[in-house]
Amino acid sequence: MSRSLNITFLSSAMPLIPVSNNEQLRAEYIAAGNYPVIFYFYSECNLTCDDVNPIFEQVAEEYSEQILALYVNYSCQSLVDGTDFTVEATPTVIVGINGIESCEDKLVESQITEESLRALFQKYCN
């Protein structure tokens, strides 16, 4: 899926954006500016991700008019090079604002449930 990196975040909908390389990750994040971005780091070879992927997609779609969500295939390469992200396992959900990772709003592996995702999205949609 190709997508222009010149994003207008105040449009009627902010879709779930798949990210496959470091340049796109940085470009999407920089383009967001002061707006929070929810990053979902997954790996295609992780069975836990297979269970979490549809849950994240569903919740992200429900909030797509209010917050940007990036779907990052972490297994492709070390996508966090040059960023402040700390991803030690997949799946991992990180909130970032102004280029900084919010350590208090990070979900890892078993912490990622439909309820925890909804709470995270709701927190940043206010």
PDB file of N, CA and C in Angstrom:
ATOM      1  N   MET A   1       0.843  -1.175   0.000  1.00  0.00           N
ATOM      2  CA  MET A   1       0.000   0.000   0.000  1.00  0.00           C
ATOM      3  C   MET A   1       0.891   1.242   0.000  1.00  0.00           C
ATOM      4  N   SER A   2       0.801   2.028  -1.024  1.00  0.00           N
ATOM      5  CA  SER A   2       1.603   3.242  -1.052  1.00  0.00           C
ATOM      6  C   SER A   2       0.763   4.405  -0.568  1.00  0.00           C
ATOM      7  N   ARG A   3       1.432   5.395   0.008  1.00  0.00           N
ATOM      8  CA  ARG A   3       0.734   6.529   0.585  1.00  0.00           C
ATOM      9  C   ARG A   3       1.670   7.720   0.564  1.00  0.00           C
ATOM     10  N   SER A   4       1.140   8.873   0.258  1.00  0.00           N
ATOM     11  CA  SER A   4       1.945  10.084   0.262  1.00  0.00           C
ATOM     12  C   SER A   4       2.365  10.402   1.690  1.00  0.00           C
ATOM     13  N   LEU A   5       3.580  10.876   1.864  1.00  0.00           N
ATOM     14  CA  LEU A   5       4.049  11.231   3.189  1.00  0.00           C
ATOM     15  C   LEU A   5       3.699  12.665   3.547  1.00  0.00           C
ATOM     16  N   ASN A   6       3.096  13.409   2.621  1.00  0.00           N
ATOM     17  CA  ASN A   6       2.617  14.751   2.926  1.00  0.00           C
ATOM     18  C   ASN A   6       1.219  14.613   3.507  1.00  0.00           C
ATOM     19  N   ILE A   7       1.131  14.477   4.813  1.00  0.00           N
ATOM     20  CA  ILE A   7      -0.112  14.132   5.482  1.00  0.00           C
ATOM     21  C   ILE A   7      -0.762  15.369   6.075  1.00  0.00           C
ATOM     22  N   THR A   8      -2.061  15.469   5.955  1.00  0.00           N
ATOM     23  CA  THR A   8      -2.815  16.485   6.667  1.00  0.00           C
ATOM     24  C   THR A   8      -3.558  15.766   7.771  1.00  0.00           C
ATOM     25  N   PHE A   9      -3.150  15.962   8.993  1.00  0.00           N
ATOM     26  CA  PHE A   9      -3.705  15.213  10.107  1.00  0.00           C
ATOM     27  C   PHE A   9      -5.040  15.738  10.593  1.00  0.00           C
ATOM     28  N   LEU A  10      -5.477  16.880  10.103  1.00  0.00           N
ATOM     29  CA  LEU A  10      -6.764  17.401  10.525  1.00  0.00           C
ATOM     30  C   LEU A  10      -7.850  17.043   9.517  1.00  0.00           C
ATOM     31  N   SER A  11      -7.561  16.117   8.645  1.00  0.00           N
ATOM     32  CA  SER A  11      -8.569  15.673   7.690  1.00  0.00           C
ATOM     33  C   SER A  11      -9.621  14.845   8.420  1.00  0.00           C
ATOM     34  N   SER A  12     -10.629  14.428   7.705  1.00  0.00           N
ATOM     35  CA  SER A  12     -11.739  13.731   8.348  1.00  0.00           C
ATOM     36  C   SER A  12     -11.351  12.362   8.886  1.00  0.00           C
ATOM     37  N   ALA A  13     -10.322  11.756   8.365  1.00  0.00           N
ATOM     38  CA  ALA A  13      -9.925  10.443   8.871  1.00  0.00           C
ATOM     39  C   ALA A  13      -8.414  10.291   8.801  1.00  0.00           C
ATOM     40  N   MET A  14      -7.867   9.636   9.812  1.00  0.00           N
ATOM     41  CA  MET A  14      -6.439   9.335   9.849  1.00  0.00           C
ATOM     42  C   MET A  14      -6.306   7.822   9.853  1.00  0.00           C
ATOM     43  N   PRO A  15      -6.043   7.238   8.714  1.00  0.00           N
ATOM     44  CA  PRO A  15      -6.049   5.778   8.614  1.00  0.00           C
ATOM     45  C   PRO A  15      -4.884   5.131   9.348  1.00  0.00           C
ATOM     46  N   LEU A  16      -5.023   3.850   9.535  1.00  0.00           N
ATOM     47  CA  LEU A  16      -3.930   3.030  10.044  1.00  0.00           C
ATOM     48  C   LEU A  16      -2.923   2.923   8.912  1.00  0.00           C
ATOM     49  N   ILE A  17      -1.713   3.397   9.152  1.00  0.00           N
ATOM     50  CA  ILE A  17      -0.704   3.484   8.097  1.00  0.00           C
ATOM     51  C   ILE A  17       0.355   2.413   8.285  1.00  0.00           C
ATOM     52  N   PRO A  18       0.521   1.519   7.308  1.00  0.00           N
ATOM     53  CA  PRO A  18       1.593   0.539   7.408  1.00  0.00           C
ATOM     54  C   PRO A  18       2.946   1.189   7.128  1.00  0.00           C
ATOM     55  N   VAL A  19       3.934   0.873   7.941  1.00  0.00           N
ATOM     56  CA  VAL A  19       5.275   1.440   7.801  1.00  0.00           C
ATOM     57  C   VAL A  19       6.246   0.290   7.570  1.00  0.00           C
ATOM     58  N   SER A  20       7.083   0.420   6.541  1.00  0.00           N
ATOM     59  CA  SER A  20       7.981  -0.680   6.223  1.00  0.00           C
ATOM     60  C   SER A  20       9.447  -0.297   6.191  1.00  0.00           C
ATOM     61  N   ASN A  21       9.760   0.990   6.432  1.00  0.00           N
ATOM     62  CA  ASN A  21      11.172   1.361   6.451  1.00  0.00           C
ATOM     63  C   ASN A  21      11.393   2.544   7.384  1.00  0.00           C
ATOM     64  N   ASN A  22      12.644   2.744   7.745  1.00  0.00           N
ATOM     65  CA  ASN A  22      13.027   3.763   8.714  1.00  0.00           C
ATOM     66  C   ASN A  22      12.690   5.171   8.221  1.00  0.00           C
ATOM     67  N   GLU A  23      12.882   5.439   6.957  1.00  0.00           N
ATOM     68  CA  GLU A  23      12.616   6.767   6.417  1.00  0.00           C
ATOM     69  C   GLU A  23      11.136   7.107   6.544  1.00  0.00           C
ATOM     70  N   GLN A  24      10.282   6.157   6.221  1.00  0.00           N
ATOM     71  CA  GLN A  24       8.842   6.382   6.326  1.00  0.00           C
ATOM     72  C   GLN A  24       8.436   6.570   7.786  1.00  0.00           C
ATOM     73  N   LEU A  25       9.020   5.780   8.681  1.00  0.00           N
ATOM     74  CA  LEU A  25       8.718   5.907  10.112  1.00  0.00           C
ATOM     75  C   LEU A  25       9.026   7.325  10.589  1.00  0.00           C
ATOM     76  N   ARG A  26      10.219   7.809  10.280  1.00  0.00           N
ATOM     77  CA  ARG A  26      10.602   9.160  10.698  1.00  0.00           C
ATOM     78  C   ARG A  26       9.739  10.225  10.031  1.00  0.00           C
ATOM     79  N   ALA A  27       9.464  10.062   8.741  1.00  0.00           N
ATOM     80  CA  ALA A  27       8.668  11.053   8.012  1.00  0.00           C
ATOM     81  C   ALA A  27       7.251  11.160   8.579  1.00  0.00           C
ATOM     82  N   GLU A  28       6.625  10.035   8.840  1.00  0.00           N
ATOM     83  CA  GLU A  28       5.265  10.050   9.396  1.00  0.00           C
ATOM     84  C   GLU A  28       5.267  10.701  10.772  1.00  0.00           C
ATOM     85  N   TYR A  29       6.257  10.379  11.562  1.00  0.00           N
ATOM     86  CA  TYR A  29       6.338  10.888  12.920  1.00  0.00           C
ATOM     87  C   TYR A  29       6.594  12.396  12.925  1.00  0.00           C
ATOM     88  N   ILE A  30       7.501  12.841  12.088  1.00  0.00           N
ATOM     89  CA  ILE A  30       7.802  14.273  12.006  1.00  0.00           C
ATOM     90  C   ILE A  30       6.580  15.035  11.487  1.00  0.00           C
ATOM     91  N   ALA A  31       5.901  14.467  10.514  1.00  0.00           N
ATOM     92  CA  ALA A  31       4.722  15.120   9.944  1.00  0.00           C
ATOM     93  C   ALA A  31       3.614  15.301  10.980  1.00  0.00           C
ATOM     94  N   ALA A  32       3.564  14.446  11.982  1.00  0.00           N
ATOM     95  CA  ALA A  32       2.520  14.527  13.008  1.00  0.00           C
ATOM     96  C   ALA A  32       2.712  15.735  13.914  1.00  0.00           C
ATOM     97  N   GLY A  33       3.944  16.210  14.052  1.00  0.00           N
ATOM     98  CA  GLY A  33       4.193  17.390  14.884  1.00  0.00           C
ATOM     99  C   GLY A  33       3.741  17.205  16.324  1.00  0.00           C
ATOM    100  N   ASN A  34       2.855  18.077  16.765  1.00  0.00           N
ATOM    101  CA  ASN A  34       2.380  18.057  18.154  1.00  0.00           C
ATOM    102  C   ASN A  34       1.304  17.021  18.404  1.00  0.00           C
ATOM    103  N   TYR A  35       0.833  16.374  17.362  1.00  0.00           N
ATOM    104  CA  TYR A  35      -0.233  15.390  17.533  1.00  0.00           C
ATOM    105  C   TYR A  35       0.344  14.062  17.994  1.00  0.00           C
ATOM    106  N   PRO A  36      -0.336  13.395  18.941  1.00  0.00           N
ATOM    107  CA  PRO A  36       0.154  12.087  19.376  1.00  0.00           C
ATOM    108  C   PRO A  36       0.005  11.054  18.261  1.00  0.00           C
ATOM    109  N   VAL A  37       0.945  10.130  18.234  1.00  0.00           N
ATOM    110  CA  VAL A  37       0.932   9.030  17.275  1.00  0.00           C
ATOM    111  C   VAL A  37       1.035   7.739  18.070  1.00  0.00           C
ATOM    112  N   ILE A  38       0.205   6.779  17.731  1.00  0.00           N
ATOM    113  CA  ILE A  38       0.285   5.470  18.376  1.00  0.00           C
ATOM    114  C   ILE A  38       0.951   4.517  17.394  1.00  0.00           C
ATOM    115  N   PHE A  39       2.100   3.994  17.803  1.00  0.00           N
ATOM    116  CA  PHE A  39       2.877   3.068  16.997  1.00  0.00           C
ATOM    117  C   PHE A  39       2.626   1.649  17.477  1.00  0.00           C
ATOM    118  N   TYR A  40       2.341   0.769  16.542  1.00  0.00           N
ATOM    119  CA  TYR A  40       2.197  -0.646  16.859  1.00  0.00           C
ATOM    120  C   TYR A  40       3.318  -1.388  16.140  1.00  0.00           C
ATOM    121  N   PHE A  41       4.278  -1.885  16.903  1.00  0.00           N
ATOM    122  CA  PHE A  41       5.394  -2.655  16.355  1.00  0.00           C
ATOM    123  C   PHE A  41       5.037  -4.131  16.426  1.00  0.00           C
ATOM    124  N   TYR A  42       5.050  -4.788  15.274  1.00  0.00           N
ATOM    125  CA  TYR A  42       4.725  -6.209  15.213  1.00  0.00           C
ATOM    126  C   TYR A  42       5.778  -6.947  14.407  1.00  0.00           C
ATOM    127  N   SER A  43       5.739  -8.256  14.500  1.00  0.00           N
ATOM    128  CA  SER A  43       6.636  -9.101  13.733  1.00  0.00           C
ATOM    129  C   SER A  43       5.801 -10.182  13.057  1.00  0.00           C
ATOM    130  N   GLU A  44       6.059 -10.401  11.786  1.00  0.00           N
ATOM    131  CA  GLU A  44       5.285 -11.399  11.046  1.00  0.00           C
ATOM    132  C   GLU A  44       5.508 -12.816  11.550  1.00  0.00           C
ATOM    133  N   CYS A  45       6.617 -13.066  12.226  1.00  0.00           N
ATOM    134  CA  CYS A  45       6.909 -14.427  12.674  1.00  0.00           C
ATOM    135  C   CYS A  45       6.536 -14.657  14.141  1.00  0.00           C
ATOM    136  N   ASN A  46       5.866 -13.702  14.774  1.00  0.00           N
ATOM    137  CA  ASN A  46       5.493 -13.832  16.176  1.00  0.00           C
ATOM    138  C   ASN A  46       4.021 -14.212  16.283  1.00  0.00           C
ATOM    139  N   LEU A  47       3.729 -15.368  16.878  1.00  0.00           N
ATOM    140  CA  LEU A  47       2.354 -15.836  16.980  1.00  0.00           C
ATOM    141  C   LEU A  47       1.489 -14.935  17.854  1.00  0.00           C
ATOM    142  N   THR A  48       2.086 -14.285  18.852  1.00  0.00           N
ATOM    143  CA  THR A  48       1.335 -13.351  19.687  1.00  0.00           C
ATOM    144  C   THR A  48       0.843 -12.187  18.834  1.00  0.00           C
ATOM    145  N   CYS A  49       1.674 -11.740  17.924  1.00  0.00           N
ATOM    146  CA  CYS A  49       1.277 -10.657  17.015  1.00  0.00           C
ATOM    147  C   CYS A  49       0.091 -11.071  16.157  1.00  0.00           C
ATOM    148  N   ASP A  50       0.066 -12.327  15.743  1.00  0.00           N
ATOM    149  CA  ASP A  50      -1.059 -12.815  14.942  1.00  0.00           C
ATOM    150  C   ASP A  50      -2.375 -12.646  15.694  1.00  0.00           C
ATOM    151  N   ASP A  51      -2.342 -12.798  17.010  1.00  0.00           N
ATOM    152  CA  ASP A  51      -3.545 -12.625  17.828  1.00  0.00           C
ATOM    153  C   ASP A  51      -3.866 -11.153  18.064  1.00  0.00           C
ATOM    154  N   VAL A  52      -2.838 -10.333  18.240  1.00  0.00           N
ATOM    155  CA  VAL A  52      -3.025  -8.924  18.576  1.00  0.00           C
ATOM    156  C   VAL A  52      -3.316  -8.066  17.349  1.00  0.00           C
ATOM    157  N   ASN A  53      -2.764  -8.401  16.195  1.00  0.00           N
ATOM    158  CA  ASN A  53      -2.926  -7.587  14.985  1.00  0.00           C
ATOM    159  C   ASN A  53      -4.378  -7.192  14.708  1.00  0.00           C
ATOM    160  N   PRO A  54      -5.322  -8.149  14.665  1.00  0.00           N
ATOM    161  CA  PRO A  54      -6.696  -7.749  14.341  1.00  0.00           C
ATOM    162  C   PRO A  54      -7.328  -6.869  15.424  1.00  0.00           C
ATOM    163  N   ILE A  55      -6.927  -7.051  16.666  1.00  0.00           N
ATOM    164  CA  ILE A  55      -7.451  -6.214  17.745  1.00  0.00           C
ATOM    165  C   ILE A  55      -6.958  -4.785  17.580  1.00  0.00           C
ATOM    166  N   PHE A  56      -5.658  -4.632  17.319  1.00  0.00           N
ATOM    167  CA  PHE A  56      -5.115  -3.294  17.116  1.00  0.00           C
ATOM    168  C   PHE A  56      -5.761  -2.630  15.907  1.00  0.00           C
ATOM    169  N   GLU A  57      -5.884  -3.362  14.822  1.00  0.00           N
ATOM    170  CA  GLU A  57      -6.493  -2.803  13.613  1.00  0.00           C
ATOM    171  C   GLU A  57      -7.913  -2.324  13.869  1.00  0.00           C
ATOM    172  N   GLN A  58      -8.683  -3.106  14.603  1.00  0.00           N
ATOM    173  CA  GLN A  58     -10.074  -2.755  14.904  1.00  0.00           C
ATOM    174  C   GLN A  58     -10.143  -1.476  15.739  1.00  0.00           C
ATOM    175  N   VAL A  59      -9.373  -1.415  16.812  1.00  0.00           N
ATOM    176  CA  VAL A  59      -9.402  -0.254  17.698  1.00  0.00           C
ATOM    177  C   VAL A  59      -8.879   0.979  16.965  1.00  0.00           C
ATOM    178  N   ALA A  60      -7.797   0.826  16.214  1.00  0.00           N
ATOM    179  CA  ALA A  60      -7.234   1.953  15.468  1.00  0.00           C
ATOM    180  C   ALA A  60      -8.238   2.488  14.456  1.00  0.00           C
ATOM    181  N   GLU A  61      -8.949   1.601  13.805  1.00  0.00           N
ATOM    182  CA  GLU A  61      -9.955   2.023  12.829  1.00  0.00           C
ATOM    183  C   GLU A  61     -11.085   2.807  13.511  1.00  0.00           C
ATOM    184  N   GLU A  62     -11.496   2.377  14.681  1.00  0.00           N
ATOM    185  CA  GLU A  62     -12.564   3.061  15.410  1.00  0.00           C
ATOM    186  C   GLU A  62     -12.176   4.489  15.787  1.00  0.00           C
ATOM    187  N   TYR A  63     -10.897   4.727  16.008  1.00  0.00           N
ATOM    188  CA  TYR A  63     -10.412   6.049  16.419  1.00  0.00           C
ATOM    189  C   TYR A  63      -9.716   6.792  15.285  1.00  0.00           C
ATOM    190  N   SER A  64      -9.866   6.309  14.056  1.00  0.00           N
ATOM    191  CA  SER A  64      -9.102   6.849  12.931  1.00  0.00           C
ATOM    192  C   SER A  64      -9.401   8.313  12.636  1.00  0.00           C
ATOM    193  N   GLU A  65     -10.524   8.829  13.071  1.00  0.00           N
ATOM    194  CA  GLU A  65     -10.835  10.237  12.840  1.00  0.00           C
ATOM    195  C   GLU A  65     -10.196  11.142  13.882  1.00  0.00           C
ATOM    196  N   GLN A  66      -9.602  10.547  14.918  1.00  0.00           N
ATOM    197  CA  GLN A  66      -9.098  11.338  16.024  1.00  0.00           C
ATOM    198  C   GLN A  66      -7.599  11.215  16.273  1.00  0.00           C
ATOM    199  N   ILE A  67      -7.003  10.103  15.854  1.00  0.00           N
ATOM    200  CA  ILE A  67      -5.584   9.905  16.164  1.00  0.00           C
ATOM    201  C   ILE A  67      -4.926   9.055  15.077  1.00  0.00           C
ATOM    202  N   LEU A  68      -3.672   9.334  14.832  1.00  0.00           N
ATOM    203  CA  LEU A  68      -2.905   8.597  13.833  1.00  0.00           C
ATOM    204  C   LEU A  68      -2.305   7.348  14.454  1.00  0.00           C
ATOM    205  N   ALA A  69      -2.449   6.238  13.764  1.00  0.00           N
ATOM    206  CA  ALA A  69      -1.850   4.979  14.216  1.00  0.00           C
ATOM    207  C   ALA A  69      -0.951   4.442  13.104  1.00  0.00           C
ATOM    208  N   LEU A  70       0.270   4.089  13.475  1.00  0.00           N
ATOM    209  CA  LEU A  70       1.216   3.519  12.521  1.00  0.00           C
ATOM    210  C   LEU A  70       1.435   2.051  12.845  1.00  0.00           C
ATOM    211  N   TYR A  71       1.358   1.234  11.832  1.00  0.00           N
ATOM    212  CA  TYR A  71       1.460  -0.219  11.925  1.00  0.00           C
ATOM    213  C   TYR A  71       2.849  -0.567  11.406  1.00  0.00           C
ATOM    214  N   VAL A  72       3.796  -0.832  12.296  1.00  0.00           N
ATOM    215  CA  VAL A  72       5.203  -0.932  11.935  1.00  0.00           C
ATOM    216  C   VAL A  72       5.675  -2.384  11.938  1.00  0.00           C
ATOM    217  N   ASN A  73       6.075  -2.870  10.753  1.00  0.00           N
ATOM    218  CA  ASN A  73       6.600  -4.221  10.644  1.00  0.00           C
ATOM    219  C   ASN A  73       8.043  -4.210  11.128  1.00  0.00           C
ATOM    220  N   TYR A  74       8.227  -4.549  12.375  1.00  0.00           N
ATOM    221  CA  TYR A  74       9.539  -4.486  13.016  1.00  0.00           C
ATOM    222  C   TYR A  74      10.473  -5.578  12.516  1.00  0.00           C
ATOM    223  N   SER A  75       9.932  -6.623  11.925  1.00  0.00           N
ATOM    224  CA  SER A  75      10.776  -7.727  11.470  1.00  0.00           C
ATOM    225  C   SER A  75      11.531  -7.392  10.179  1.00  0.00           C
ATOM    226  N   CYS A  76      11.125  -6.325   9.489  1.00  0.00           N
ATOM    227  CA  CYS A  76      11.789  -5.983   8.227  1.00  0.00           C
ATOM    228  C   CYS A  76      13.222  -5.527   8.440  1.00  0.00           C
ATOM    229  N   GLN A  77      13.432  -4.704   9.438  1.00  0.00           N
ATOM    230  CA  GLN A  77      14.753  -4.174   9.730  1.00  0.00           C
ATOM    231  C   GLN A  77      14.666  -3.454  11.068  1.00  0.00           C
ATOM    232  N   SER A  78      15.765  -2.953  11.509  1.00  0.00           N
ATOM    233  CA  SER A  78      15.759  -2.206  12.765  1.00  0.00           C
ATOM    234  C   SER A  78      15.177  -0.827  12.509  1.00  0.00           C
ATOM    235  N   LEU A  79      13.864  -0.729  12.557  1.00  0.00           N
ATOM    236  CA  LEU A  79      13.176   0.496  12.189  1.00  0.00           C
ATOM    237  C   LEU A  79      13.328   1.625  13.185  1.00  0.00           C
ATOM    238  N   VAL A  80      13.819   1.340  14.365  1.00  0.00           N
ATOM    239  CA  VAL A  80      13.897   2.403  15.358  1.00  0.00           C
ATOM    240  C   VAL A  80      15.243   3.113  15.359  1.00  0.00           C
ATOM    241  N   ASP A  81      16.150   2.757  14.462  1.00  0.00           N
ATOM    242  CA  ASP A  81      17.424   3.471  14.366  1.00  0.00           C
ATOM    243  C   ASP A  81      17.158   4.948  14.115  1.00  0.00           C
ATOM    244  N   GLY A  82      17.797   5.791  14.873  1.00  0.00           N
ATOM    245  CA  GLY A  82      17.640   7.224  14.697  1.00  0.00           C
ATOM    246  C   GLY A  82      16.420   7.809  15.370  1.00  0.00           C
ATOM    247  N   THR A  83      15.711   7.003  16.155  1.00  0.00           N
ATOM    248  CA  THR A  83      14.566   7.510  16.920  1.00  0.00           C
ATOM    249  C   THR A  83      14.835   7.252  18.392  1.00  0.00           C
ATOM    250  N   ASP A  84      13.942   7.745  19.234  1.00  0.00           N
ATOM    251  CA  ASP A  84      14.065   7.521  20.670  1.00  0.00           C
ATOM    252  C   ASP A  84      13.276   6.304  21.142  1.00  0.00           C
ATOM    253  N   PHE A  85      12.804   5.480  20.225  1.00  0.00           N
ATOM    254  CA  PHE A  85      11.984   4.332  20.599  1.00  0.00           C
ATOM    255  C   PHE A  85      12.811   3.206  21.187  1.00  0.00           C
ATOM    256  N   THR A  86      12.216   2.520  22.145  1.00  0.00           N
ATOM    257  CA  THR A  86      12.820   1.338  22.719  1.00  0.00           C
ATOM    258  C   THR A  86      11.856   0.178  22.491  1.00  0.00           C
ATOM    259  N   VAL A  87      12.199  -0.683  21.568  1.00  0.00           N
ATOM    260  CA  VAL A  87      11.386  -1.858  21.271  1.00  0.00           C
ATOM    261  C   VAL A  87      12.248  -3.073  21.542  1.00  0.00           C
ATOM    262  N   GLU A  88      11.879  -3.808  22.573  1.00  0.00           N
ATOM    263  CA  GLU A  88      12.658  -4.982  22.947  1.00  0.00           C
ATOM    264  C   GLU A  88      11.968  -6.284  22.577  1.00  0.00           C
ATOM    265  N   ALA A  89      10.664  -6.202  22.307  1.00  0.00           N
ATOM    266  CA  ALA A  89       9.893  -7.388  21.953  1.00  0.00           C
ATOM    267  C   ALA A  89       8.702  -6.942  21.110  1.00  0.00           C
ATOM    268  N   THR A  90       8.152  -7.895  20.373  1.00  0.00           N
ATOM    269  CA  THR A  90       6.923  -7.605  19.644  1.00  0.00           C
ATOM    270  C   THR A  90       5.844  -8.550  20.156  1.00  0.00           C
ATOM    271  N   PRO A  91       4.624  -8.100  20.190  1.00  0.00           N
ATOM    272  CA  PRO A  91       4.143  -6.778  19.825  1.00  0.00           C
ATOM    273  C   PRO A  91       4.425  -5.740  20.920  1.00  0.00           C
ATOM    274  N   THR A  92       4.594  -4.498  20.491  1.00  0.00           N
ATOM    275  CA  THR A  92       4.787  -3.362  21.390  1.00  0.00           C
ATOM    276  C   THR A  92       3.987  -2.186  20.853  1.00  0.00           C
ATOM    277  N   VAL A  93       3.293  -1.491  21.750  1.00  0.00           N
ATOM    278  CA  VAL A  93       2.561  -0.284  21.394  1.00  0.00           C
ATOM    279  C   VAL A  93       3.213   0.873  22.139  1.00  0.00           C
ATOM    280  N   ILE A  94       3.565   1.915  21.384  1.00  0.00           N
ATOM    281  CA  ILE A  94       4.234   3.086  21.950  1.00  0.00           C
ATOM    282  C   ILE A  94       3.479   4.334  21.513  1.00  0.00           C
ATOM    283  N   VAL A  95       3.312   5.266  22.429  1.00  0.00           N
ATOM    284  CA  VAL A  95       2.761   6.569  22.079  1.00  0.00           C
ATOM    285  C   VAL A  95       3.926   7.537  21.956  1.00  0.00           C
ATOM    286  N   GLY A  96       3.923   8.310  20.899  1.00  0.00           N
ATOM    287  CA  GLY A  96       4.964   9.303  20.709  1.00  0.00           C
ATOM    288  C   GLY A  96       4.357  10.668  20.449  1.00  0.00           C
ATOM    289  N   ILE A  97       4.954  11.685  21.054  1.00  0.00           N
ATOM    290  CA  ILE A  97       4.523  13.069  20.834  1.00  0.00           C
ATOM    291  C   ILE A  97       5.777  13.917  20.677  1.00  0.00           C
ATOM    292  N   ASN A  98       5.803  14.721  19.616  1.00  0.00           N
ATOM    293  CA  ASN A  98       6.942  15.610  19.363  1.00  0.00           C
ATOM    294  C   ASN A  98       8.274  14.858  19.316  1.00  0.00           C
ATOM    295  N   GLY A  99       8.278  13.670  18.768  1.00  0.00           N
ATOM    296  CA  GLY A  99       9.518  12.921  18.618  1.00  0.00           C
ATOM    297  C   GLY A  99      10.010  12.223  19.868  1.00  0.00           C
ATOM    298  N   ILE A 100       9.176  12.197  20.911  1.00  0.00           N
ATOM    299  CA  ILE A 100       9.595  11.590  22.175  1.00  0.00           C
ATOM    300  C   ILE A 100       8.649  10.458  22.548  1.00  0.00           C
ATOM    301  N   GLU A 101       9.225   9.338  22.941  1.00  0.00           N
ATOM    302  CA  GLU A 101       8.445   8.193  23.392  1.00  0.00           C
ATOM    303  C   GLU A 101       7.871   8.468  24.773  1.00  0.00           C
ATOM    304  N   SER A 102       6.594   8.151  24.953  1.00  0.00           N
ATOM    305  CA  SER A 102       5.960   8.267  26.263  1.00  0.00           C
ATOM    306  C   SER A 102       6.128   6.943  26.989  1.00  0.00           C
ATOM    307  N   CYS A 103       7.055   6.890  27.917  1.00  0.00           N
ATOM    308  CA  CYS A 103       7.339   5.636  28.626  1.00  0.00           C
ATOM    309  C   CYS A 103       6.164   5.182  29.478  1.00  0.00           C
ATOM    310  N   GLU A 104       5.374   6.122  29.969  1.00  0.00           N
ATOM    311  CA  GLU A 104       4.237   5.738  30.806  1.00  0.00           C
ATOM    312  C   GLU A 104       3.109   5.129  29.988  1.00  0.00           C
ATOM    313  N   ASP A 105       3.111   5.345  28.688  1.00  0.00           N
ATOM    314  CA  ASP A 105       2.061   4.834  27.821  1.00  0.00           C
ATOM    315  C   ASP A 105       2.619   3.867  26.793  1.00  0.00           C
ATOM    316  N   LYS A 106       3.222   2.822  27.286  1.00  0.00           N
ATOM    317  CA  LYS A 106       3.815   1.793  26.449  1.00  0.00           C
ATOM    318  C   LYS A 106       3.223   0.451  26.873  1.00  0.00           C
ATOM    319  N   LEU A 107       2.764  -0.313  25.907  1.00  0.00           N
ATOM    320  CA  LEU A 107       2.209  -1.638  26.176  1.00  0.00           C
ATOM    321  C   LEU A 107       3.079  -2.673  25.479  1.00  0.00           C
ATOM    322  N   VAL A 108       3.395  -3.743  26.191  1.00  0.00           N
ATOM    323  CA  VAL A 108       4.243  -4.789  25.633  1.00  0.00           C
ATOM    324  C   VAL A 108       3.570  -6.142  25.814  1.00  0.00           C
ATOM    325  N   GLU A 109       3.576  -6.920  24.755  1.00  0.00           N
ATOM    326  CA  GLU A 109       3.113  -8.311  24.713  1.00  0.00           C
ATOM    327  C   GLU A 109       1.808  -8.524  25.467  1.00  0.00           C
ATOM    328  N   SER A 110       1.831  -9.186  26.615  1.00  0.00           N
ATOM    329  CA  SER A 110       0.605  -9.574  27.318  1.00  0.00           C
ATOM    330  C   SER A 110      -0.185  -8.383  27.862  1.00  0.00           C
ATOM    331  N   GLN A 111       0.417  -7.198  27.901  1.00  0.00           N
ATOM    332  CA  GLN A 111      -0.312  -6.000  28.342  1.00  0.00           C
ATOM    333  C   GLN A 111      -1.284  -5.504  27.275  1.00  0.00           C
ATOM    334  N   ILE A 112      -1.104  -5.967  26.049  1.00  0.00           N
ATOM    335  CA  ILE A 112      -1.916  -5.476  24.937  1.00  0.00           C
ATOM    336  C   ILE A 112      -3.203  -6.289  24.848  1.00  0.00           C
ATOM    337  N   THR A 113      -4.282  -5.663  25.280  1.00  0.00           N
ATOM    338  CA  THR A 113      -5.612  -6.254  25.190  1.00  0.00           C
ATOM    339  C   THR A 113      -6.524  -5.229  24.521  1.00  0.00           C
ATOM    340  N   GLU A 114      -7.701  -5.646  24.156  1.00  0.00           N
ATOM    341  CA  GLU A 114      -8.644  -4.697  23.567  1.00  0.00           C
ATOM    342  C   GLU A 114      -8.928  -3.555  24.548  1.00  0.00           C
ATOM    343  N   GLU A 115      -9.079  -3.894  25.820  1.00  0.00           N
ATOM    344  CA  GLU A 115      -9.369  -2.888  26.843  1.00  0.00           C
ATOM    345  C   GLU A 115      -8.207  -1.908  27.021  1.00  0.00           C
ATOM    346  N   SER A 116      -6.980  -2.429  27.087  1.00  0.00           N
ATOM    347  CA  SER A 116      -5.827  -1.537  27.287  1.00  0.00           C
ATOM    348  C   SER A 116      -5.613  -0.637  26.068  1.00  0.00           C
ATOM    349  N   LEU A 117      -5.862  -1.167  24.872  1.00  0.00           N
ATOM    350  CA  LEU A 117      -5.742  -0.358  23.665  1.00  0.00           C
ATOM    351  C   LEU A 117      -6.798   0.741  23.625  1.00  0.00           C
ATOM    352  N   ARG A 118      -8.035   0.382  23.950  1.00  0.00           N
ATOM    353  CA  ARG A 118      -9.103   1.389  23.968  1.00  0.00           C
ATOM    354  C   ARG A 118      -8.781   2.499  24.970  1.00  0.00           C
ATOM    355  N   ALA A 119      -8.293   2.128  26.132  1.00  0.00           N
ATOM    356  CA  ALA A 119      -7.952   3.121  27.152  1.00  0.00           C
ATOM    357  C   ALA A 119      -6.848   4.046  26.649  1.00  0.00           C
ATOM    358  N   LEU A 120      -5.867   3.494  25.968  1.00  0.00           N
ATOM    359  CA  LEU A 120      -4.759   4.284  25.442  1.00  0.00           C
ATOM    360  C   LEU A 120      -5.236   5.249  24.355  1.00  0.00           C
ATOM    361  N   PHE A 121      -6.036   4.746  23.420  1.00  0.00           N
ATOM    362  CA  PHE A 121      -6.553   5.609  22.363  1.00  0.00           C
ATOM    363  C   PHE A 121      -7.441   6.699  22.952  1.00  0.00           C
ATOM    364  N   GLN A 122      -8.298   6.335  23.888  1.00  0.00           N
ATOM    365  CA  GLN A 122      -9.201   7.325  24.495  1.00  0.00           C
ATOM    366  C   GLN A 122      -8.416   8.401  25.222  1.00  0.00           C
ATOM    367  N   LYS A 123      -7.347   8.031  25.892  1.00  0.00           N
ATOM    368  CA  LYS A 123      -6.543   9.001  26.627  1.00  0.00           C
ATOM    369  C   LYS A 123      -6.015  10.101  25.709  1.00  0.00           C
ATOM    370  N   TYR A 124      -5.615   9.736  24.515  1.00  0.00           N
ATOM    371  CA  TYR A 124      -5.026  10.699  23.592  1.00  0.00           C
ATOM    372  C   TYR A 124      -6.022  11.307  22.608  1.00  0.00           C
ATOM    373  N   CYS A 125      -7.252  10.931  22.702  1.00  0.00           N
ATOM    374  CA  CYS A 125      -8.275  11.515  21.829  1.00  0.00           C
ATOM    375  C   CYS A 125      -8.989  12.688  22.498  1.00  0.00           C
ATOM    376  N   ASN A 126      -8.691  12.935  23.748  1.00  0.00           N
ATOM    377  CA  ASN A 126      -9.360  14.045  24.468  1.00  0.00           C
ATOM    378  C   ASN A 126      -8.717  15.364  24.164  1.00  0.00           C
TER     379      ASN A 126
END
